[in-house]
N, C-alpha and C. Protein backbone atom coordinates (compact mmCIF):
# COMPACT_ATOMS: atom_id res chain seq x y z
N MET A 1 47.73 -32.38 26.39
CA MET A 1 48.61 -32.44 27.54
C MET A 1 48.13 -31.44 28.59
N SER A 2 47.96 -31.88 29.81
CA SER A 2 47.52 -30.99 30.88
C SER A 2 48.71 -30.44 31.65
N ASP A 3 48.45 -29.45 32.45
CA ASP A 3 49.49 -28.81 33.24
C ASP A 3 48.86 -28.43 34.58
N THR A 4 49.68 -28.08 35.55
CA THR A 4 49.17 -27.63 36.83
C THR A 4 49.64 -26.21 37.10
N ILE A 5 48.87 -25.53 37.94
CA ILE A 5 49.24 -24.19 38.37
C ILE A 5 49.10 -24.16 39.89
N ASN A 6 49.97 -23.43 40.55
CA ASN A 6 49.93 -23.32 42.00
C ASN A 6 49.32 -21.98 42.37
N ILE A 7 48.19 -22.03 43.10
CA ILE A 7 47.54 -20.82 43.56
C ILE A 7 47.47 -20.88 45.08
N TYR A 8 48.21 -20.03 45.73
CA TYR A 8 48.24 -19.97 47.19
C TYR A 8 48.49 -21.34 47.82
N GLY A 9 49.42 -22.08 47.26
CA GLY A 9 49.80 -23.36 47.83
C GLY A 9 48.94 -24.54 47.42
N HIS A 10 47.99 -24.32 46.53
CA HIS A 10 47.11 -25.39 46.07
C HIS A 10 47.37 -25.67 44.60
N GLU A 11 47.67 -26.93 44.30
CA GLU A 11 47.90 -27.32 42.91
C GLU A 11 46.56 -27.52 42.20
N ILE A 12 46.39 -26.84 41.09
CA ILE A 12 45.17 -26.97 40.30
C ILE A 12 45.53 -27.57 38.96
N GLN A 13 44.86 -28.65 38.61
CA GLN A 13 45.09 -29.33 37.34
C GLN A 13 44.31 -28.62 36.25
N LEU A 14 45.02 -28.07 35.27
CA LEU A 14 44.37 -27.40 34.15
C LEU A 14 43.93 -28.43 33.12
N GLU A 15 42.84 -28.15 32.42
CA GLU A 15 42.36 -29.05 31.38
C GLU A 15 43.30 -29.08 30.19
N LYS A 16 43.84 -27.92 29.83
CA LYS A 16 44.78 -27.82 28.71
C LYS A 16 45.95 -26.95 29.13
N ALA A 17 47.12 -27.26 28.62
CA ALA A 17 48.33 -26.55 29.02
C ALA A 17 48.28 -25.07 28.66
N ASP A 18 47.55 -24.71 27.61
CA ASP A 18 47.51 -23.30 27.20
C ASP A 18 46.28 -22.55 27.72
N SER A 19 45.56 -23.13 28.71
CA SER A 19 44.39 -22.45 29.27
C SER A 19 44.81 -21.47 30.36
N HIS A 20 43.88 -20.63 30.78
CA HIS A 20 44.18 -19.59 31.77
C HIS A 20 43.10 -19.56 32.85
N ILE A 21 43.51 -19.36 34.08
CA ILE A 21 42.59 -19.17 35.20
C ILE A 21 42.13 -17.71 35.15
N THR A 22 40.82 -17.48 35.17
CA THR A 22 40.32 -16.11 35.12
C THR A 22 39.57 -15.70 36.38
N ASP A 23 38.96 -16.64 37.08
CA ASP A 23 38.18 -16.32 38.27
C ASP A 23 38.56 -17.29 39.39
N ILE A 24 38.68 -16.75 40.57
CA ILE A 24 38.99 -17.56 41.76
C ILE A 24 37.97 -17.21 42.83
N ILE A 25 37.41 -18.24 43.44
CA ILE A 25 36.50 -18.05 44.57
C ILE A 25 37.08 -18.81 45.75
N ILE A 26 37.20 -18.12 46.86
CA ILE A 26 37.68 -18.75 48.09
C ILE A 26 36.51 -18.79 49.07
N ILE A 27 36.22 -19.99 49.57
CA ILE A 27 35.17 -20.16 50.56
C ILE A 27 35.84 -20.68 51.82
N ALA A 28 35.62 -19.99 52.92
CA ALA A 28 36.26 -20.37 54.19
C ALA A 28 35.22 -20.45 55.30
N ARG A 29 35.48 -21.32 56.24
CA ARG A 29 34.64 -21.43 57.44
C ARG A 29 35.37 -20.75 58.58
N GLU A 30 34.66 -19.88 59.28
CA GLU A 30 35.22 -19.19 60.44
C GLU A 30 34.40 -19.55 61.66
N ILE A 31 35.07 -19.79 62.77
CA ILE A 31 34.38 -20.04 64.03
C ILE A 31 34.45 -18.77 64.86
N GLN A 32 33.30 -18.31 65.28
CA GLN A 32 33.20 -17.11 66.10
C GLN A 32 32.63 -17.48 67.45
N TYR A 33 32.82 -16.62 68.42
CA TYR A 33 32.25 -16.85 69.75
C TYR A 33 31.19 -15.80 70.02
N ALA A 34 30.00 -16.26 70.38
CA ALA A 34 28.90 -15.37 70.72
C ALA A 34 29.17 -14.76 72.10
N PRO A 35 28.46 -13.68 72.42
CA PRO A 35 28.66 -13.05 73.74
C PRO A 35 28.47 -14.01 74.92
N ASP A 36 27.63 -15.04 74.74
CA ASP A 36 27.44 -15.99 75.84
C ASP A 36 28.50 -17.10 75.87
N GLY A 37 29.48 -17.03 74.96
CA GLY A 37 30.57 -17.99 74.96
C GLY A 37 30.37 -19.19 74.04
N THR A 38 29.19 -19.33 73.45
CA THR A 38 28.97 -20.45 72.53
C THR A 38 29.62 -20.17 71.18
N MET A 39 29.97 -21.24 70.49
CA MET A 39 30.62 -21.10 69.19
C MET A 39 29.56 -20.99 68.09
N GLU A 40 29.87 -20.17 67.09
CA GLU A 40 29.01 -20.01 65.93
C GLU A 40 29.87 -20.13 64.69
N ASP A 41 29.28 -20.63 63.62
CA ASP A 41 29.98 -20.73 62.35
C ASP A 41 29.66 -19.53 61.47
N ALA A 42 30.61 -19.16 60.64
CA ALA A 42 30.40 -18.14 59.62
C ALA A 42 31.06 -18.64 58.34
N ILE A 43 30.48 -18.28 57.23
CA ILE A 43 31.06 -18.61 55.93
C ILE A 43 31.58 -17.32 55.33
N LEU A 44 32.83 -17.34 54.91
CA LEU A 44 33.45 -16.17 54.29
C LEU A 44 33.71 -16.47 52.82
N ILE A 45 33.42 -15.53 51.96
CA ILE A 45 33.64 -15.72 50.52
C ILE A 45 34.42 -14.53 49.99
N SER A 46 35.43 -14.83 49.19
CA SER A 46 36.22 -13.80 48.53
C SER A 46 36.41 -14.22 47.08
N THR A 47 36.39 -13.26 46.19
CA THR A 47 36.54 -13.56 44.77
C THR A 47 37.49 -12.58 44.12
N THR A 48 37.91 -12.93 42.91
CA THR A 48 38.73 -12.00 42.14
C THR A 48 37.88 -10.78 41.79
N PRO A 49 38.50 -9.62 41.65
CA PRO A 49 37.75 -8.36 41.48
C PRO A 49 36.76 -8.33 40.32
N ASN A 50 37.06 -8.97 39.23
CA ASN A 50 36.18 -8.90 38.07
C ASN A 50 35.16 -10.02 38.00
N SER A 51 35.08 -10.85 39.02
CA SER A 51 34.09 -11.94 39.05
C SER A 51 32.71 -11.36 39.35
N THR A 52 31.81 -11.46 38.40
CA THR A 52 30.47 -10.95 38.61
C THR A 52 29.65 -11.93 39.45
N TYR A 53 28.52 -11.47 39.94
CA TYR A 53 27.64 -12.32 40.74
C TYR A 53 27.23 -13.56 39.94
N ILE A 54 26.87 -13.37 38.69
CA ILE A 54 26.44 -14.49 37.85
C ILE A 54 27.58 -15.51 37.71
N MET A 55 28.80 -15.04 37.50
CA MET A 55 29.95 -15.94 37.36
C MET A 55 30.20 -16.67 38.68
N GLN A 56 30.15 -15.96 39.79
CA GLN A 56 30.36 -16.58 41.09
C GLN A 56 29.32 -17.67 41.34
N ARG A 57 28.09 -17.34 41.10
CA ARG A 57 27.02 -18.31 41.33
C ARG A 57 27.17 -19.53 40.43
N GLY A 58 27.53 -19.31 39.17
CA GLY A 58 27.73 -20.42 38.25
C GLY A 58 28.85 -21.34 38.69
N ILE A 59 29.96 -20.76 39.14
CA ILE A 59 31.10 -21.56 39.60
C ILE A 59 30.72 -22.36 40.84
N ILE A 60 30.05 -21.71 41.80
CA ILE A 60 29.67 -22.40 43.03
C ILE A 60 28.66 -23.51 42.74
N GLU A 61 27.68 -23.24 41.89
CA GLU A 61 26.68 -24.27 41.53
C GLU A 61 27.34 -25.45 40.82
N THR A 62 28.27 -25.17 39.92
CA THR A 62 28.97 -26.24 39.20
C THR A 62 29.81 -27.07 40.16
N ALA A 63 30.50 -26.41 41.10
CA ALA A 63 31.29 -27.13 42.10
C ALA A 63 30.40 -28.02 42.95
N ARG A 64 29.23 -27.51 43.33
CA ARG A 64 28.29 -28.30 44.13
C ARG A 64 27.81 -29.53 43.35
N ASP A 65 27.53 -29.34 42.06
CA ASP A 65 27.11 -30.47 41.23
C ASP A 65 28.22 -31.51 41.12
N GLU A 66 29.45 -31.06 40.96
CA GLU A 66 30.59 -31.98 40.87
C GLU A 66 30.76 -32.77 42.16
N LEU A 67 30.60 -32.10 43.30
CA LEU A 67 30.70 -32.80 44.58
C LEU A 67 29.61 -33.84 44.74
N ARG A 68 28.41 -33.53 44.31
CA ARG A 68 27.31 -34.49 44.37
C ARG A 68 27.60 -35.71 43.52
N ASP A 69 28.20 -35.50 42.36
CA ASP A 69 28.50 -36.60 41.43
C ASP A 69 29.57 -37.54 41.99
N THR A 70 30.40 -37.05 42.93
CA THR A 70 31.48 -37.88 43.46
C THR A 70 31.13 -38.54 44.79
N GLU A 71 29.91 -38.33 45.27
CA GLU A 71 29.51 -38.95 46.56
C GLU A 71 29.36 -40.44 46.43
């Protein structure tokens, strides 16, 4: 039986009802304005404090693979 958890207004479907979320990665796009007035994009990343670089990279790579599989 699966369950959902709400994290900052987003429903996440858990694989098992007794599982736990341990790492969260937030990726955001920011639009900035250059001194000449043109728009530039920036990518902002925030993670839970104990998420190591290896864990972050693994989660992002896995998410990218999942997105490719659903194209």
